[in-house]
Amino acid sequence: DRLIAVLGAGGQVQRLDLLLQAYELRGRSRFALNDTAGAEQDFSALLALNPGFKFGDGISPKVVDVLNAVRRLTIGQVVLSLTPAGDVQIDGRPVSLQAEPQTLDLLAGEHQVTAVRSSYRAIAQKFTVIAGDSVTLALTLERVLSTLAVISIPAEVEVVLDGASRGLTVKGDAEASAPMMLTDLPIGARLDQGLLRGL
C-alpha cells in the first residue's frame, strides 16, 4: 500500500515497473483474502498503466479469470498501420509502427496519435477505443518536401538554389565531392541548369 501511494503520488508515475509489480501483487493478495472487488480495482489500475499486461506462468487460473474479466470491461484494441513505417506517439508515448497492421491494447476512451517526420506533413488524429472491441486506423504520411544529393567534380564548388547560396561542396574520398544534402525542396520543384557555380 505504501509503495503504491509513493510511486503514484501526485499523478506522476515513478518507476513504472515497480508500480506494476505492486498492483499485481496487491491484487493477487486481495483475491487470496476473498476481496474480489479489491483485486478488480487493482487489476483495473494495472491495466490503465499497461493495457497489454499479462500474468507470467504459474498464476492461478482463477486470478487470470479476474484479470480477463476486468480487461473485457476496460480495454479495447486499435489496429494501426503507418505508411511509410516509422515512429509515432500515442497519447505522448512512443510506438513503432509498420506498413502491415499491428494490434495494440488501449484503455477504453479517446486517444490521439501523432506522427511528426522531417519532409512529411504532420499527423494529429484522435480516435476512440471501445472496451471489448477494436478500431482500425491506417495512417499515411504525405511527403511535402524532397531531398537532393549534390555531388560535384571537382569539389569546393558553390551550390546555388533559387538564387541563394547553399555553401560549398567538400572533398570526398575520390575526385568527386562528398554529397551535399539539400533537404527542404518542395515536391515537384524543377531544378534547372546553373545550380552549381564553377562546373
Protein backbone atom coordinates (compact mmCIF):
# COMPACT_ATOMS: atom_id res chain seq x y z
CA ASP A 1 0.00 0.00 0.00
CA ARG A 2 2.76 2.43 0.92
CA LEU A 3 4.73 1.63 -2.22
CA ILE A 4 1.73 2.29 -4.45
CA ALA A 5 0.99 5.54 -2.62
CA VAL A 6 4.58 6.75 -3.02
CA LEU A 7 5.11 5.69 -6.65
CA GLY A 8 1.79 7.13 -7.82
CA ALA A 9 1.84 10.29 -5.71
CA GLY A 10 0.55 13.44 -7.39
CA GLY A 11 -0.50 11.59 -10.53
CA GLN A 12 3.14 11.32 -11.62
CA VAL A 13 4.18 7.70 -12.08
CA GLN A 14 7.65 6.92 -10.79
CA ARG A 15 9.32 3.58 -11.57
CA LEU A 16 6.53 2.15 -13.70
CA ASP A 17 7.98 -1.35 -13.46
CA LEU A 18 7.78 -1.33 -9.66
CA LEU A 19 4.30 0.19 -9.64
CA LEU A 20 3.03 -2.53 -11.99
CA GLN A 21 4.50 -5.22 -9.75
CA ALA A 22 2.97 -3.62 -6.68
CA TYR A 23 -0.53 -3.52 -8.21
CA GLU A 24 -0.18 -7.12 -9.40
CA LEU A 25 0.95 -8.45 -6.01
CA ARG A 26 -1.64 -6.48 -4.05
CA GLY A 27 -4.39 -7.59 -6.41
CA ARG A 28 -3.38 -11.22 -6.10
CA SER A 29 -3.17 -10.87 -2.32
CA ARG A 30 -6.62 -9.33 -2.13
CA PHE A 31 -8.04 -12.16 -4.23
CA ALA A 32 -6.42 -14.70 -1.89
CA LEU A 33 -8.16 -12.88 1.01
CA ASN A 34 -11.53 -13.19 -0.79
CA ASP A 35 -11.54 -9.46 -1.58
CA THR A 36 -12.53 -9.84 -5.23
CA ALA A 37 -13.67 -6.22 -5.54
CA GLY A 38 -10.29 -5.01 -4.27
CA ALA A 39 -8.49 -7.32 -6.68
CA GLU A 40 -10.58 -5.98 -9.56
CA GLN A 41 -9.74 -2.43 -8.52
CA ASP A 42 -6.01 -3.16 -8.52
CA PHE A 43 -6.13 -5.02 -11.82
CA SER A 44 -8.04 -2.11 -13.35
CA ALA A 45 -5.30 0.30 -12.21
CA LEU A 46 -2.70 -2.15 -13.54
CA LEU A 47 -4.31 -2.28 -16.98
CA ALA A 48 -4.65 1.51 -17.07
CA LEU A 49 -0.86 1.70 -16.79
CA ASN A 50 -0.14 -1.24 -19.10
CA PRO A 51 -3.16 -2.26 -21.22
CA GLY A 52 -1.31 -5.23 -22.67
CA PHE A 53 -0.34 -6.69 -19.28
CA LYS A 54 -0.44 -10.46 -18.89
CA PHE A 55 0.50 -12.65 -15.93
CA GLY A 56 3.56 -14.84 -16.05
CA ASP A 57 3.50 -18.61 -15.71
CA GLY A 58 2.27 -20.32 -12.56
CA ILE A 59 -0.59 -17.94 -11.70
CA SER A 60 -3.88 -19.43 -10.54
CA PRO A 61 -6.42 -19.65 -13.41
CA LYS A 62 -9.00 -18.05 -11.10
CA VAL A 63 -6.82 -14.95 -10.74
CA VAL A 64 -6.30 -14.90 -14.51
CA ASP A 65 -10.08 -15.04 -14.95
CA VAL A 66 -10.50 -11.96 -12.74
CA LEU A 67 -7.90 -10.03 -14.77
CA ASN A 68 -9.54 -11.05 -18.05
CA ALA A 69 -12.95 -10.01 -16.77
CA VAL A 70 -11.58 -6.57 -15.90
CA ARG A 71 -9.85 -6.41 -19.28
CA ARG A 72 -13.12 -7.02 -21.14
CA LEU A 73 -14.72 -4.08 -19.31
CA THR A 74 -11.84 -1.61 -19.62
CA ILE A 75 -9.59 -2.47 -22.57
CA GLY A 76 -10.14 -2.31 -26.31
CA GLN A 77 -7.86 -2.62 -29.29
CA VAL A 78 -6.68 -0.43 -32.14
CA VAL A 79 -5.34 -1.97 -35.34
CA LEU A 80 -2.73 0.51 -36.58
CA SER A 81 -0.57 0.81 -39.66
CA LEU A 82 1.74 3.57 -40.90
CA THR A 83 2.99 4.16 -44.45
CA PRO A 84 5.91 4.61 -44.65
CA ALA A 85 6.78 2.73 -41.46
CA GLY A 86 8.25 4.61 -38.51
CA ASP A 87 7.67 6.00 -35.05
CA VAL A 88 4.53 7.74 -33.78
CA GLN A 89 3.26 8.82 -30.39
CA ILE A 90 0.02 7.59 -28.88
CA ASP A 91 -1.04 9.84 -26.01
CA GLY A 92 2.56 11.00 -25.79
CA ARG A 93 4.05 7.50 -25.63
CA PRO A 94 6.39 6.41 -28.46
CA VAL A 95 5.26 3.46 -30.59
CA SER A 96 6.96 1.94 -33.66
CA LEU A 97 4.56 1.08 -36.48
CA GLN A 98 4.90 -0.87 -39.70
CA ALA A 99 3.04 -0.68 -43.00
CA GLU A 100 1.43 -4.00 -42.03
CA PRO A 101 -1.39 -3.62 -39.46
CA GLN A 102 -0.50 -4.40 -35.86
CA THR A 103 -2.85 -4.67 -32.90
CA LEU A 104 -2.35 -2.64 -29.71
CA ASP A 105 -4.30 -2.86 -26.45
CA LEU A 106 -5.51 0.50 -25.14
CA LEU A 107 -7.67 1.76 -22.31
CA ALA A 108 -11.24 2.42 -23.46
CA GLY A 109 -11.82 6.08 -24.27
CA GLU A 110 -10.45 8.80 -26.53
CA HIS A 111 -6.83 8.74 -27.64
CA GLN A 112 -4.62 10.70 -30.02
CA VAL A 113 -1.92 9.51 -32.38
CA THR A 114 0.66 11.97 -33.68
CA ALA A 115 3.31 11.42 -36.33
CA VAL A 116 5.99 14.03 -36.98
CA ARG A 117 8.72 13.34 -39.52
CA SER A 118 11.05 15.56 -41.48
CA SER A 119 9.83 16.29 -45.04
CA TYR A 120 6.31 14.96 -44.28
CA ARG A 121 3.10 16.67 -43.24
CA ALA A 122 2.47 16.07 -39.52
CA ILE A 123 -0.48 13.92 -38.44
CA ALA A 124 -2.51 14.50 -35.27
CA GLN A 125 -5.59 12.29 -35.23
CA LYS A 126 -7.99 11.42 -32.43
CA PHE A 127 -9.74 8.07 -32.19
CA THR A 128 -11.99 6.28 -29.72
CA VAL A 129 -11.42 2.82 -28.30
CA ILE A 130 -14.41 0.82 -27.05
CA ALA A 131 -13.93 -1.82 -24.35
CA GLY A 132 -14.00 -5.32 -25.77
CA ASP A 133 -13.96 -4.04 -29.36
CA SER A 134 -11.38 -2.95 -31.93
CA VAL A 135 -10.98 0.04 -34.24
CA THR A 136 -8.83 0.14 -37.38
CA LEU A 137 -6.66 3.14 -38.21
CA ALA A 138 -4.49 3.25 -41.36
CA LEU A 139 -2.17 6.27 -41.38
CA THR A 140 -0.36 7.55 -44.47
CA LEU A 141 2.26 10.26 -44.22
CA GLU A 142 2.13 12.80 -47.05
CA ARG A 143 5.53 13.88 -48.29
CA VAL A 144 5.74 17.68 -48.71
CA LEU A 145 9.50 18.16 -49.12
CA SER A 146 12.15 16.30 -51.07
CA THR A 147 15.87 15.75 -50.57
CA LEU A 148 18.51 16.27 -53.24
CA ALA A 149 22.08 14.96 -53.00
CA VAL A 150 24.51 17.17 -54.93
CA ILE A 151 27.92 15.77 -55.92
CA SER A 152 30.37 17.90 -57.86
CA ILE A 153 33.57 17.24 -59.80
CA PRO A 154 35.79 18.85 -58.64
CA ALA A 155 34.92 19.55 -55.02
CA GLU A 156 34.71 23.01 -53.39
CA VAL A 157 32.04 24.21 -55.79
CA GLU A 158 29.38 26.67 -54.66
CA VAL A 159 25.82 25.35 -54.78
CA VAL A 160 23.15 27.95 -55.57
CA LEU A 161 19.42 27.18 -55.43
CA ASP A 162 16.76 29.74 -56.36
CA GLY A 163 19.37 32.47 -56.18
CA ALA A 164 20.50 31.55 -52.66
CA SER A 165 23.87 30.04 -51.92
CA ARG A 166 23.83 26.73 -50.05
CA GLY A 167 27.58 26.69 -49.46
CA LEU A 168 30.48 24.78 -51.00
CA THR A 169 30.76 21.07 -51.67
CA VAL A 170 33.54 19.41 -49.69
CA LYS A 171 36.16 16.90 -50.74
CA GLY A 172 35.13 13.27 -50.80
CA ASP A 173 37.15 10.07 -50.90
CA ALA A 174 37.88 10.34 -54.62
CA GLU A 175 37.87 13.07 -57.28
CA ALA A 176 34.18 13.83 -56.68
CA SER A 177 32.92 15.77 -53.70
CA ALA A 178 31.07 14.27 -50.76
CA PRO A 179 27.28 14.52 -51.19
CA MET A 180 25.76 17.84 -50.12
CA MET A 181 22.21 17.14 -48.90
CA LEU A 182 19.51 19.72 -49.71
CA THR A 183 16.58 18.61 -47.59
CA ASP A 184 13.95 21.33 -47.94
CA LEU A 185 12.91 21.18 -51.60
CA PRO A 186 9.17 21.44 -52.32
CA ILE A 187 7.61 18.44 -54.04
CA GLY A 188 7.57 18.95 -57.80
CA ALA A 189 10.22 21.67 -57.79
CA ARG A 190 12.22 21.84 -61.05
CA LEU A 191 15.96 22.12 -60.81
CA ASP A 192 17.33 23.90 -63.89
CA GLN A 193 20.90 24.04 -65.13
CA GLY A 194 23.18 26.51 -63.43
CA LEU A 195 22.67 25.03 -59.98
CA LEU A 196 26.43 24.73 -59.46
CA ARG A 197 28.86 27.58 -59.98
CA GLY A 198 32.27 26.62 -61.24
CA LEU A 199 31.37 23.45 -63.14
